[in-house]
Amino acid sequence: MTRYRTTDGKEDLKQKFNTFGAMAIPLAFVNGLYFGAYGLRKVRQYWEGGPMD
């Protein structure tokens, strides 16, 4: 949530919702799951020595 000032310098009490700011943490969490699982899969493939999945 971000508060802005009006033209006369008073604080605007109406809060504006930033959609991209709200999605930043869930998006980072999903990216971590995706790339983490991908990395684990690649390490396992390397460790077991083959392209099997």
C-alpha atoms as a PDB file:
ATOM      1  CA  MET A   1       0.000   0.000   0.000  1.00  0.00           C
ATOM      2  CA  THR A   2       1.289   3.416  -0.894  1.00  0.00           C
ATOM      3  CA  ARG A   3       0.063   6.771   0.304  1.00  0.00           C
ATOM      4  CA  TYR A   4       0.344   9.874  -1.798  1.00  0.00           C
ATOM      5  CA  ARG A   5       0.128  13.573  -1.030  1.00  0.00           C
ATOM      6  CA  THR A   6      -2.501  15.770  -2.592  1.00  0.00           C
ATOM      7  CA  THR A   7      -1.690  18.983  -4.419  1.00  0.00           C
ATOM      8  CA  ASP A   8      -2.079  21.082  -1.242  1.00  0.00           C
ATOM      9  CA  GLY A   9       0.511  18.949   0.614  1.00  0.00           C
ATOM     10  CA  LYS A  10      -1.894  17.016   2.822  1.00  0.00           C
ATOM     11  CA  GLU A  11      -1.634  13.267   2.979  1.00  0.00           C
ATOM     12  CA  ASP A  12      -4.171  11.503   0.822  1.00  0.00           C
ATOM     13  CA  LEU A  13      -6.003   9.005   3.014  1.00  0.00           C
ATOM     14  CA  LYS A  14      -7.145   6.932   0.056  1.00  0.00           C
ATOM     15  CA  GLN A  15      -4.645   4.094  -0.322  1.00  0.00           C
ATOM     16  CA  LYS A  16      -3.794   2.894  -3.795  1.00  0.00           C
ATOM     17  CA  PHE A  17      -3.159  -0.815  -4.257  1.00  0.00           C
ATOM     18  CA  ASN A  18      -0.066  -1.680  -6.286  1.00  0.00           C
ATOM     19  CA  THR A  19      -0.834  -4.915  -8.170  1.00  0.00           C
ATOM     20  CA  PHE A  20       2.740  -5.631  -9.266  1.00  0.00           C
ATOM     21  CA  GLY A  21       4.078  -5.001  -5.778  1.00  0.00           C
ATOM     22  CA  ALA A  22       1.566  -7.435  -4.321  1.00  0.00           C
ATOM     23  CA  MET A  23       2.516 -10.135  -6.839  1.00  0.00           C
ATOM     24  CA  ALA A  24       6.273  -9.823  -6.288  1.00  0.00           C
ATOM     25  CA  ILE A  25       6.576 -12.259  -3.363  1.00  0.00           C
ATOM     26  CA  PRO A  26       4.244 -15.004  -4.719  1.00  0.00           C
ATOM     27  CA  LEU A  27       5.956 -14.761  -8.100  1.00  0.00           C
ATOM     28  CA  ALA A  28       9.396 -15.094  -6.494  1.00  0.00           C
ATOM     29  CA  PHE A  29       8.155 -18.114  -4.511  1.00  0.00           C
ATOM     30  CA  VAL A  30       6.830 -19.846  -7.639  1.00  0.00           C
ATOM     31  CA  ASN A  31      10.047 -19.068  -9.517  1.00  0.00           C
ATOM     32  CA  GLY A  32      12.058 -20.540  -6.653  1.00  0.00           C
ATOM     33  CA  LEU A  33      10.027 -23.729  -6.757  1.00  0.00           C
ATOM     34  CA  TYR A  34      10.338 -24.015 -10.525  1.00  0.00           C
ATOM     35  CA  PHE A  35      14.057 -23.311 -10.813  1.00  0.00           C
ATOM     36  CA  GLY A  36      14.837 -25.258  -7.636  1.00  0.00           C
ATOM     37  CA  ALA A  37      13.082 -28.352  -8.958  1.00  0.00           C
ATOM     38  CA  TYR A  38      14.757 -27.898 -12.336  1.00  0.00           C
ATOM     39  CA  GLY A  39      18.172 -27.619 -10.679  1.00  0.00           C
ATOM     40  CA  LEU A  40      17.590 -30.709  -8.539  1.00  0.00           C
ATOM     41  CA  ARG A  41      16.504 -32.644 -11.620  1.00  0.00           C
ATOM     42  CA  LYS A  42      19.631 -31.634 -13.516  1.00  0.00           C
ATOM     43  CA  VAL A  43      21.886 -32.552 -10.587  1.00  0.00           C
ATOM     44  CA  ARG A  44      20.199 -35.945 -10.302  1.00  0.00           C
ATOM     45  CA  GLN A  45      20.570 -36.557 -14.019  1.00  0.00           C
ATOM     46  CA  TYR A  46      24.238 -35.668 -13.816  1.00  0.00           C
ATOM     47  CA  TRP A  47      24.753 -37.789 -10.697  1.00  0.00           C
ATOM     48  CA  GLU A  48      23.032 -40.844 -12.163  1.00  0.00           C
ATOM     49  CA  GLY A  49      24.700 -40.326 -15.514  1.00  0.00           C
ATOM     50  CA  GLY A  50      21.839 -40.220 -17.937  1.00  0.00           C
ATOM     51  CA  PRO A  51      18.987 -38.283 -19.540  1.00  0.00           C
ATOM     52  CA  MET A  52      16.295 -40.407 -17.874  1.00  0.00           C
ATOM     53  CA  ASP A  53      13.537 -38.625 -16.047  1.00  0.00           C
END
